[in-house]
Amino acid sequence: MENINSDDHNLSEDSDDEWFYDSFKRYDELLMYDVQGNITCGAFLNGNKLLLTASGDNRRHEVWELSIPKKLVAGKDAGLTKDRDFKIITAGYSGHKVKQV
């Protein structure tokens, strides 16, 4: 059994936290999105759509075609934009886990 020194463990957590917060400095803007389920694969379509597949805990496999928010493609100097969320264009279910689109 490995003996872990609690001081070393705390130093490791501190350096991980420091790296995480310092990484935000690299971005002018940081947009974060939450997706329900585990993403199994994804692909961009025609530059303005995103195709995602996800598997949930209940063995249901979903396929989503999403429109990409204008905020993501508007550019750095666009200012405020109204459209910030992905919107579902179409969606469906699969009986099997999707591994490639």
C-alpha atoms as a PDB file:
ATOM      1  CA  MET A   1       0.000   0.000   0.000  1.00  0.00           C
ATOM      2  CA  GLU A   2       1.391   3.399  -0.994  1.00  0.00           C
ATOM      3  CA  ASN A   3       1.815   6.000   1.722  1.00  0.00           C
ATOM      4  CA  ILE A   4       0.840   9.460   0.494  1.00  0.00           C
ATOM      5  CA  ASN A   5       2.148  12.439   2.387  1.00  0.00           C
ATOM      6  CA  SER A   6      -0.754  14.858   2.917  1.00  0.00           C
ATOM      7  CA  ASP A   7       1.553  17.868   2.388  1.00  0.00           C
ATOM      8  CA  ASP A   8       2.602  16.545  -1.035  1.00  0.00           C
ATOM      9  CA  HIS A   9      -1.035  15.880  -1.918  1.00  0.00           C
ATOM     10  CA  ASN A  10      -2.021  19.448  -0.970  1.00  0.00           C
ATOM     11  CA  LEU A  11       0.861  20.862  -3.044  1.00  0.00           C
ATOM     12  CA  SER A  12      -0.313  18.859  -6.028  1.00  0.00           C
ATOM     13  CA  GLU A  13      -3.893  20.116  -5.640  1.00  0.00           C
ATOM     14  CA  ASP A  14      -2.634  23.700  -5.241  1.00  0.00           C
ATOM     15  CA  SER A  15      -0.562  23.488  -8.426  1.00  0.00           C
ATOM     16  CA  ASP A  16      -3.523  21.962 -10.292  1.00  0.00           C
ATOM     17  CA  ASP A  17      -5.783  24.768  -9.085  1.00  0.00           C
ATOM     18  CA  GLU A  18      -3.180  27.385  -9.990  1.00  0.00           C
ATOM     19  CA  TRP A  19      -2.783  25.949 -13.499  1.00  0.00           C
ATOM     20  CA  PHE A  20      -6.569  25.873 -13.967  1.00  0.00           C
ATOM     21  CA  TYR A  21      -7.062  29.529 -12.999  1.00  0.00           C
ATOM     22  CA  ASP A  22      -3.952  30.710 -14.858  1.00  0.00           C
ATOM     23  CA  SER A  23      -5.202  29.013 -18.012  1.00  0.00           C
ATOM     24  CA  PHE A  24      -8.132  31.477 -18.124  1.00  0.00           C
ATOM     25  CA  LYS A  25      -5.664  34.291 -18.780  1.00  0.00           C
ATOM     26  CA  ARG A  26      -4.963  32.822 -22.225  1.00  0.00           C
ATOM     27  CA  TYR A  27      -8.463  33.635 -23.452  1.00  0.00           C
ATOM     28  CA  ASP A  28     -10.046  36.956 -24.366  1.00  0.00           C
ATOM     29  CA  GLU A  29     -13.423  35.282 -24.027  1.00  0.00           C
ATOM     30  CA  LEU A  30     -14.285  31.928 -22.533  1.00  0.00           C
ATOM     31  CA  LEU A  31     -17.637  30.337 -23.296  1.00  0.00           C
ATOM     32  CA  MET A  32     -18.545  27.104 -21.569  1.00  0.00           C
ATOM     33  CA  TYR A  33     -21.432  24.798 -22.404  1.00  0.00           C
ATOM     34  CA  ASP A  34     -22.931  21.819 -20.615  1.00  0.00           C
ATOM     35  CA  VAL A  35     -24.153  18.745 -22.457  1.00  0.00           C
ATOM     36  CA  GLN A  36     -26.258  16.028 -20.842  1.00  0.00           C
ATOM     37  CA  GLY A  37     -24.764  12.582 -21.322  1.00  0.00           C
ATOM     38  CA  ASN A  38     -21.359  11.401 -22.455  1.00  0.00           C
ATOM     39  CA  ILE A  39     -20.372  12.672 -25.900  1.00  0.00           C
ATOM     40  CA  THR A  40     -19.253   9.717 -27.995  1.00  0.00           C
ATOM     41  CA  CYS A  41     -18.397  11.634 -31.175  1.00  0.00           C
ATOM     42  CA  GLY A  42     -19.012  14.877 -32.983  1.00  0.00           C
ATOM     43  CA  ALA A  43     -18.446  16.610 -36.298  1.00  0.00           C
ATOM     44  CA  PHE A  44     -18.948  20.045 -37.826  1.00  0.00           C
ATOM     45  CA  LEU A  45     -21.297  20.234 -40.809  1.00  0.00           C
ATOM     46  CA  ASN A  46     -21.174  23.021 -43.401  1.00  0.00           C
ATOM     47  CA  GLY A  47     -19.382  25.330 -40.943  1.00  0.00           C
ATOM     48  CA  ASN A  48     -22.601  26.324 -39.157  1.00  0.00           C
ATOM     49  CA  LYS A  49     -23.897  23.067 -37.666  1.00  0.00           C
ATOM     50  CA  LEU A  50     -22.612  20.564 -35.145  1.00  0.00           C
ATOM     51  CA  LEU A  51     -23.527  16.891 -35.098  1.00  0.00           C
ATOM     52  CA  LEU A  52     -23.120  15.256 -31.665  1.00  0.00           C
ATOM     53  CA  THR A  53     -23.861  11.794 -30.394  1.00  0.00           C
ATOM     54  CA  ALA A  54     -24.230  11.031 -26.706  1.00  0.00           C
ATOM     55  CA  SER A  55     -24.874   8.041 -24.503  1.00  0.00           C
ATOM     56  CA  GLY A  56     -26.670   8.329 -21.200  1.00  0.00           C
ATOM     57  CA  ASP A  57     -26.771   6.143 -18.120  1.00  0.00           C
ATOM     58  CA  ASN A  58     -30.075   4.627 -19.215  1.00  0.00           C
ATOM     59  CA  ARG A  59     -28.549   3.014 -22.352  1.00  0.00           C
ATOM     60  CA  ARG A  60     -30.286   5.545 -24.562  1.00  0.00           C
ATOM     61  CA  HIS A  61     -28.108   6.823 -27.378  1.00  0.00           C
ATOM     62  CA  GLU A  62     -28.972  10.224 -28.815  1.00  0.00           C
ATOM     63  CA  VAL A  63     -27.995  12.020 -32.015  1.00  0.00           C
ATOM     64  CA  TRP A  64     -28.312  15.816 -32.184  1.00  0.00           C
ATOM     65  CA  GLU A  65     -27.929  18.226 -35.075  1.00  0.00           C
ATOM     66  CA  LEU A  66     -27.305  21.640 -33.518  1.00  0.00           C
ATOM     67  CA  SER A  67     -26.986  25.130 -34.938  1.00  0.00           C
ATOM     68  CA  ILE A  68     -23.782  26.850 -33.842  1.00  0.00           C
ATOM     69  CA  PRO A  69     -24.464  30.059 -31.882  1.00  0.00           C
ATOM     70  CA  LYS A  70     -23.594  33.317 -33.632  1.00  0.00           C
ATOM     71  CA  LYS A  71     -21.519  34.238 -30.585  1.00  0.00           C
ATOM     72  CA  LEU A  72     -19.045  31.475 -31.463  1.00  0.00           C
ATOM     73  CA  VAL A  73     -18.608  32.467 -35.107  1.00  0.00           C
ATOM     74  CA  ALA A  74     -19.117  36.243 -34.930  1.00  0.00           C
ATOM     75  CA  GLY A  75     -15.491  37.069 -34.251  1.00  0.00           C
ATOM     76  CA  LYS A  76     -13.599  38.873 -31.553  1.00  0.00           C
ATOM     77  CA  ASP A  77     -14.879  42.407 -32.223  1.00  0.00           C
ATOM     78  CA  ALA A  78     -18.567  41.505 -32.612  1.00  0.00           C
ATOM     79  CA  GLY A  79     -19.575  42.883 -29.222  1.00  0.00           C
ATOM     80  CA  LEU A  80     -22.797  41.620 -27.731  1.00  0.00           C
ATOM     81  CA  THR A  81     -24.692  39.083 -29.760  1.00  0.00           C
ATOM     82  CA  LYS A  82     -28.146  37.785 -29.028  1.00  0.00           C
ATOM     83  CA  ASP A  83     -27.607  34.161 -30.022  1.00  0.00           C
ATOM     84  CA  ARG A  84     -25.414  32.426 -27.412  1.00  0.00           C
ATOM     85  CA  ASP A  85     -26.964  28.956 -27.163  1.00  0.00           C
ATOM     86  CA  PHE A  86     -26.872  25.889 -29.349  1.00  0.00           C
ATOM     87  CA  LYS A  87     -30.303  25.175 -30.814  1.00  0.00           C
ATOM     88  CA  ILE A  88     -31.553  21.737 -31.768  1.00  0.00           C
ATOM     89  CA  ILE A  89     -32.338  21.496 -35.466  1.00  0.00           C
ATOM     90  CA  THR A  90     -33.195  17.815 -35.314  1.00  0.00           C
ATOM     91  CA  ALA A  91     -32.583  14.932 -32.929  1.00  0.00           C
ATOM     92  CA  GLY A  92     -33.176  11.232 -32.675  1.00  0.00           C
ATOM     93  CA  TYR A  93     -32.357   8.039 -30.844  1.00  0.00           C
ATOM     94  CA  SER A  94     -30.283   5.041 -31.773  1.00  0.00           C
ATOM     95  CA  GLY A  95     -30.464   1.539 -30.355  1.00  0.00           C
ATOM     96  CA  HIS A  96     -26.679   1.273 -30.556  1.00  0.00           C
ATOM     97  CA  LYS A  97     -23.806   3.466 -29.457  1.00  0.00           C
ATOM     98  CA  VAL A  98     -22.678   5.706 -32.322  1.00  0.00           C
ATOM     99  CA  LYS A  99     -18.887   5.689 -32.675  1.00  0.00           C
ATOM    100  CA  GLN A 100     -18.431   7.680 -35.883  1.00  0.00           C
ATOM    101  CA  VAL A 101     -20.374  10.340 -37.821  1.00  0.00           C
END
